[in-house]
Structure formats: structure tokens, C-alpha cells
PDB file of N, CA and C in Angstrom:
ATOM      1  N   MET A   1      12.322 -17.142  -9.521  1.00  0.00           N
ATOM      2  CA  MET A   1      13.242 -16.145  -8.942  1.00  0.00           C
ATOM      3  C   MET A   1      12.872 -14.746  -9.432  1.00  0.00           C
ATOM      4  N   TYR A   2      12.742 -13.832  -8.505  1.00  0.00           N
ATOM      5  CA  TYR A   2      12.489 -12.444  -8.883  1.00  0.00           C
ATOM      6  C   TYR A   2      13.809 -11.687  -8.893  1.00  0.00           C
ATOM      7  N   GLY A   3      13.929 -10.770  -9.827  1.00  0.00           N
ATOM      8  CA  GLY A   3      15.166  -9.996  -9.901  1.00  0.00           C
ATOM      9  C   GLY A   3      15.233  -9.197 -11.179  1.00  0.00           C
ATOM     10  N   PRO A   4      16.411  -8.676 -11.488  1.00  0.00           N
ATOM     11  CA  PRO A   4      16.601  -7.840 -12.674  1.00  0.00           C
ATOM     12  C   PRO A   4      16.293  -8.604 -13.968  1.00  0.00           C
ATOM     13  N   LEU A   5      16.437  -9.927 -13.951  1.00  0.00           N
ATOM     14  CA  LEU A   5      16.186 -10.720 -15.151  1.00  0.00           C
ATOM     15  C   LEU A   5      14.705 -11.023 -15.319  1.00  0.00           C
ATOM     16  N   ASP A   6      13.896 -10.651 -14.343  1.00  0.00           N
ATOM     17  CA  ASP A   6      12.459 -10.908 -14.409  1.00  0.00           C
ATOM     18  C   ASP A   6      11.705  -9.606 -14.179  1.00  0.00           C
ATOM     19  N   PRO A   7      11.637  -8.744 -15.202  1.00  0.00           N
ATOM     20  CA  PRO A   7      10.998  -7.431 -15.033  1.00  0.00           C
ATOM     21  C   PRO A   7       9.523  -7.554 -14.636  1.00  0.00           C
ATOM     22  N   LEU A   8       8.830  -8.563 -15.184  1.00  0.00           N
ATOM     23  CA  LEU A   8       7.413  -8.721 -14.840  1.00  0.00           C
ATOM     24  C   LEU A   8       7.245  -9.046 -13.370  1.00  0.00           C
ATOM     25  N   GLY A   9       8.086  -9.917 -12.846  1.00  0.00           N
ATOM     26  CA  GLY A   9       8.007 -10.263 -11.433  1.00  0.00           C
ATOM     27  C   GLY A   9       8.255  -9.036 -10.559  1.00  0.00           C
ATOM     28  N   THR A  10       9.252  -8.238 -10.968  1.00  0.00           N
ATOM     29  CA  THR A  10       9.576  -7.034 -10.195  1.00  0.00           C
ATOM     30  C   THR A  10       8.407  -6.057 -10.219  1.00  0.00           C
ATOM     31  N   ILE A  11       7.800  -5.892 -11.401  1.00  0.00           N
ATOM     32  CA  ILE A  11       6.652  -4.986 -11.526  1.00  0.00           C
ATOM     33  C   ILE A  11       5.511  -5.476 -10.646  1.00  0.00           C
ATOM     34  N   GLU A  12       5.312  -6.802 -10.631  1.00  0.00           N
ATOM     35  CA  GLU A  12       4.244  -7.372  -9.803  1.00  0.00           C
ATOM     36  C   GLU A  12       4.468  -7.029  -8.339  1.00  0.00           C
ATOM     37  N   ILE A  13       5.700  -7.175  -7.871  1.00  0.00           N
ATOM     38  CA  ILE A  13       6.027  -6.875  -6.475  1.00  0.00           C
ATOM     39  C   ILE A  13       5.788  -5.388  -6.192  1.00  0.00           C
ATOM     40  N   LEU A  14       6.225  -4.534  -7.103  1.00  0.00           N
ATOM     41  CA  LEU A  14       6.038  -3.098  -6.912  1.00  0.00           C
ATOM     42  C   LEU A  14       4.559  -2.751  -6.852  1.00  0.00           C
ATOM     43  N   MET A  15       3.769  -3.380  -7.726  1.00  0.00           N
ATOM     44  CA  MET A  15       2.336  -3.105  -7.764  1.00  0.00           C
ATOM     45  C   MET A  15       1.681  -3.519  -6.453  1.00  0.00           C
ATOM     46  N   SER A  16       2.027  -4.710  -5.950  1.00  0.00           N
ATOM     47  CA  SER A  16       1.406  -5.177  -4.714  1.00  0.00           C
ATOM     48  C   SER A  16       1.841  -4.304  -3.537  1.00  0.00           C
ATOM     49  N   ASN A  17       3.101  -3.861  -3.542  1.00  0.00           N
ATOM     50  CA  ASN A  17       3.562  -2.957  -2.481  1.00  0.00           C
ATOM     51  C   ASN A  17       2.776  -1.657  -2.540  1.00  0.00           C
ATOM     52  N   GLU A  18       2.520  -1.163  -3.769  1.00  0.00           N
ATOM     53  CA  GLU A  18       1.767   0.077  -3.943  1.00  0.00           C
ATOM     54  C   GLU A  18       0.350  -0.096  -3.408  1.00  0.00           C
ATOM     55  N   MET A  19      -0.268  -1.240  -3.704  1.00  0.00           N
ATOM     56  CA  MET A  19      -1.623  -1.510  -3.224  1.00  0.00           C
ATOM     57  C   MET A  19      -1.654  -1.538  -1.698  1.00  0.00           C
ATOM     58  N   ILE A  20      -0.669  -2.197  -1.105  1.00  0.00           N
ATOM     59  CA  ILE A  20      -0.594  -2.267   0.353  1.00  0.00           C
ATOM     60  C   ILE A  20      -0.444  -0.862   0.927  1.00  0.00           C
ATOM     61  N   HIS A  21       0.393  -0.048   0.280  1.00  0.00           N
ATOM     62  CA  HIS A  21       0.626   1.322   0.745  1.00  0.00           C
ATOM     63  C   HIS A  21      -0.667   2.138   0.670  1.00  0.00           C
ATOM     64  N   ILE A  22      -1.393   1.997  -0.442  1.00  0.00           N
ATOM     65  CA  ILE A  22      -2.639   2.746  -0.626  1.00  0.00           C
ATOM     66  C   ILE A  22      -3.665   2.310   0.416  1.00  0.00           C
ATOM     67  N   LYS A  23      -3.797   0.992   0.617  1.00  0.00           N
ATOM     68  CA  LYS A  23      -4.750   0.495   1.610  1.00  0.00           C
ATOM     69  C   LYS A  23      -4.369   0.983   3.001  1.00  0.00           C
ATOM     70  N   GLY A  24      -3.077   0.990   3.304  1.00  0.00           N
ATOM     71  CA  GLY A  24      -2.610   1.458   4.598  1.00  0.00           C
ATOM     72  C   GLY A  24      -2.939   2.930   4.796  1.00  0.00           C
ATOM     73  N   SER A  25      -2.764   3.728   3.735  1.00  0.00           N
ATOM     74  CA  SER A  25      -3.049   5.154   3.830  1.00  0.00           C
ATOM     75  C   SER A  25      -4.535   5.378   4.071  1.00  0.00           C
ATOM     76  N   LEU A  26      -5.377   4.620   3.357  1.00  0.00           N
ATOM     77  CA  LEU A  26      -6.819   4.756   3.534  1.00  0.00           C
ATOM     78  C   LEU A  26      -7.211   4.410   4.961  1.00  0.00           C
ATOM     79  N   LEU A  27      -6.648   3.317   5.466  1.00  0.00           N
ATOM     80  CA  LEU A  27      -6.955   2.880   6.824  1.00  0.00           C
ATOM     81  C   LEU A  27      -6.516   3.952   7.820  1.00  0.00           C
ATOM     82  N   TYR A  28      -5.334   4.533   7.589  1.00  0.00           N
ATOM     83  CA  TYR A  28      -4.802   5.544   8.491  1.00  0.00           C
ATOM     84  C   TYR A  28      -5.683   6.785   8.509  1.00  0.00           C
ATOM     85  N   SER A  29      -6.121   7.235   7.313  1.00  0.00           N
ATOM     86  CA  SER A  29      -6.939   8.441   7.274  1.00  0.00           C
ATOM     87  C   SER A  29      -8.317   8.183   7.877  1.00  0.00           C
ATOM     88  N   GLU A  30      -8.831   6.954   7.703  1.00  0.00           N
ATOM     89  CA  GLU A  30     -10.111   6.624   8.341  1.00  0.00           C
ATOM     90  C   GLU A  30      -9.973   6.673   9.850  1.00  0.00           C
ATOM     91  N   LEU A  31      -8.875   6.136  10.349  1.00  0.00           N
ATOM     92  CA  LEU A  31      -8.615   6.145  11.785  1.00  0.00           C
ATOM     93  C   LEU A  31      -8.490   7.580  12.290  1.00  0.00           C
ATOM     94  N   LEU A  32      -7.787   8.404  11.512  1.00  0.00           N
ATOM     95  CA  LEU A  32      -7.589   9.802  11.878  1.00  0.00           C
ATOM     96  C   LEU A  32      -8.936  10.520  11.946  1.00  0.00           C
ATOM     97  N   PHE A  33      -9.788  10.302  10.931  1.00  0.00           N
ATOM     98  CA  PHE A  33     -11.100  10.934  10.916  1.00  0.00           C
ATOM     99  C   PHE A  33     -11.924  10.482  12.114  1.00  0.00           C
ATOM    100  N   PHE A  34     -11.821   9.181  12.441  1.00  0.00           N
ATOM    101  CA  PHE A  34     -12.570   8.631  13.576  1.00  0.00           C
ATOM    102  C   PHE A  34     -12.151   9.310  14.873  1.00  0.00           C
ATOM    103  N   ILE A  35     -10.830   9.474  15.048  1.00  0.00           N
ATOM    104  CA  ILE A  35     -10.313  10.101  16.269  1.00  0.00           C
ATOM    105  C   ILE A  35     -10.729  11.565  16.329  1.00  0.00           C
ATOM    106  N   LEU A  36     -10.596  12.280  15.208  1.00  0.00           N
ATOM    107  CA  LEU A  36     -10.964  13.690  15.181  1.00  0.00           C
ATOM    108  C   LEU A  36     -12.458  13.861  15.418  1.00  0.00           C
ATOM    109  N   ASP A  37     -13.237  12.903  14.930  1.00  0.00           N
ATOM    110  CA  ASP A  37     -14.689  12.984  15.052  1.00  0.00           C
ATOM    111  C   ASP A  37     -15.138  12.854  16.508  1.00  0.00           C
ATOM    112  N   ARG A  38     -14.358  12.137  17.290  1.00  0.00           N
ATOM    113  CA  ARG A  38     -14.745  11.898  18.685  1.00  0.00           C
ATOM    114  C   ARG A  38     -14.515  13.119  19.578  1.00  0.00           C
ATOM    115  N   TYR A  39     -13.604  14.001  19.145  1.00  0.00           N
ATOM    116  CA  TYR A  39     -13.318  15.167  19.985  1.00  0.00           C
ATOM    117  C   TYR A  39     -14.204  16.345  19.650  1.00  0.00           C
TER     118      TYR A  39
END
């Protein structure tokens, strides 16, 4: 069970969310550069 009683589990979830966010941002900026490059 993840929750306030499991700080490590919560940190793990936050870390993975952060990684997903960073990967998403990288993908988005790559897409943006690709679109800008075509014009």
C-alpha cells in the first residue's frame, strides 16, 4: 500500500512521475523543433 505511512513508496511514485514528465517534455520539444524545421 502506498500512502503517508510509506514515504519511500510515495517518493518512488513522485520520481517516476517526474521522469515521465521530463520524457514528455523532451518528446514535445523534439516534435516542436521538427515542425519548425519543416517550415
